Each structure stands twice: as structure tokens, then as C-alpha cells.
Amino acid sequence: MRGPKTILVAAMISAASAAHAGDRGTAADMLFQEGRRAADRGDFAVACTKFEASEAAEPAPGTLLNLADCEESRGQLTRAWHDFLTLADALPEADERKAVALERARRLERTMPKLRIRLAMTAAPARVFRDGIEISGTSLGVALPVDPGMHVVLVSEPGFRDRTYAVPIARGDEKDVEVDRGPTTSSDPRRAAAFALGGIGVASLLAGTATGIFALTDLSASNADCTGHTCKTPEAVMRYDRAQSLALATDITLGVGLALVVTSAILFVLSRGHHAPAPQSLALVRF
């Protein structure tokens, strides 16, 4: 059996809850009226915000109906369609607003833009996003309702550059767009080989030039003491032999270096002629 204090506390809690509910109702009413005034003057951005806040404070069928109407006027057709259907499902058959909500939803369904995104077979493992939301594999190739305006489709796959498409669509349109991944992020292997061979070739040419200078220096010094293949001193013989060896090394090193540089140049030209073009950051799809 509850005592007087328990009854008093329960009564206080009930009164506080009723007062809080009254405050929510007053706030919802005020927000609804502000939304109506904004809608009457054509300021649908403000009107939708007010109706949303009113519905959050205290849900009511009339508020949701006005919100859906506002969203349609603002061009947010998919949200309006969803809200009309939600309202129709919640209202009893006897409520005349149920028929109104259903008719508005059906009319929207007939005029909402639809966008079908197909993924090229070469990019089958890629991920596709529309306006930042991933489109699952089961939804690819399906005409999905969208709002009028510009939509951004992005194709992403590891190892490839992201490819972005801008797709404009108007009310009543149905568009079909095939998207593909971007070019590979790895460069042509011939270009890497060209740089490697070119570096070795240049180093060989520099080494050959250096040995050539040493060979000329020794040959010049030995010429003073040597006539033909006969030299006056052992030191002159050593210089002559060293000059001959350096001259042979110079010929080999310069020949190899020149061949590597020429090969490098050919590979570089071939890689430039066949590398994939860099994608545009935003490709406007034409229909």
C-alpha cells in the first residue's frame, strides 16, 4: 500500500511530464506556424527546416504532410516521396489525408528522375559511389529514383586512379550511364627501364671519357722515349702498355655507354607513345 509521500511524488512526476509534453506541443505548434508562413512566401528552405523541427518536437500527420509538400516544392523529390508513403502507411483508412498522401506519392513516382549506373565489365571488382553513397552490386544496372540536378558518380578500385563523372538530370528524365575505372596508377615499365639504362649509359660515357684522358696522358709521356714499339726506359715501356690498355677500355666503355643511352631514348619514346592519358578530375557525361 502506497503512503501519502509516494502518492505525492507520483503526482509531482505526472504533473512535470504533462508540463514537459505541453512545452513540446507549444514549441511544435510555433515551429509549424513559422513553417507555414515561410512556405506561403515561397521560402521553402526555411519552411522545410521549421517543419522538420516541429515533427521532431512532436510528430503529427499534418506536419509530415506539410513537410513532404515542402520537400517536393524544394526539389527533394525522393525525400518527399518517402514521407508521403510513410504518412499514407500511418493514417487510418477513414482519414482523407491517406488518399491525398498516396496520390501525391504515386504522382511523384511517375515524374521522379531515374538514374541507371552500369559498370563496365573491365571494372567488375570496382566500387561505385553516387553522391558519396556506395551503390551495391544488386543496385547496379537498376533505374533508381534521384532528385533533379547534378549527381556525381565515382568509380574506385585499388591500383587504379579514381574516375569521377558528373551526371545532370532533370525531372521526368531517365538516364543510363556506363562508368569505368581510371587508368592504372603504375607507370609504363618501359619508362622505368629507360631511366635505369640511361643512368648507366651516362655513367659509362663519363667513365670512358676519364679513361680516355688517362690514356692520352700516358701515351703523350711515352712518345718522348719510344719510337714505334721500342722504348728507351722500363718506365716508358710501362706507360706505353698502360696507354694501350686504357685506350682499349675507353673504346669498350664509350661504346657500351652510347648503346645504353640510345636504347634508353628509344624506350622512353615508346613509353610516351603508349602510356594511358591522365583522367580529368570531373568528366561531364553527355547523353
Foldseek 3Di string as FASTA:
>chain_A
DDDPVVVVVVVVVVVVVVVLLVVLQVQLVVLQVVLVVCVVVPNLVSNLVSLVSSCVSPNDLVSLLSNLVSCVSVQVLVVSLVSLVVSLVPDDPPDPSNVVSVVVNVVSVQWFEWEAEAEDPVAVVKWKDKQNHTDDPVRHRPTHGDTAAKIKMWIDDPQFAIAIEIEGDHTRHYYYDYDYTHHGPDADVLLVLLVVLLVLLVVLLVVLVVLLVLLVVLVVVLVVQDDDQDGDDPSSNVSPVSSVVSNVSSVVSNVSSVVSNVSSVVSNVVRVVDIDDDHDPYHYDDD
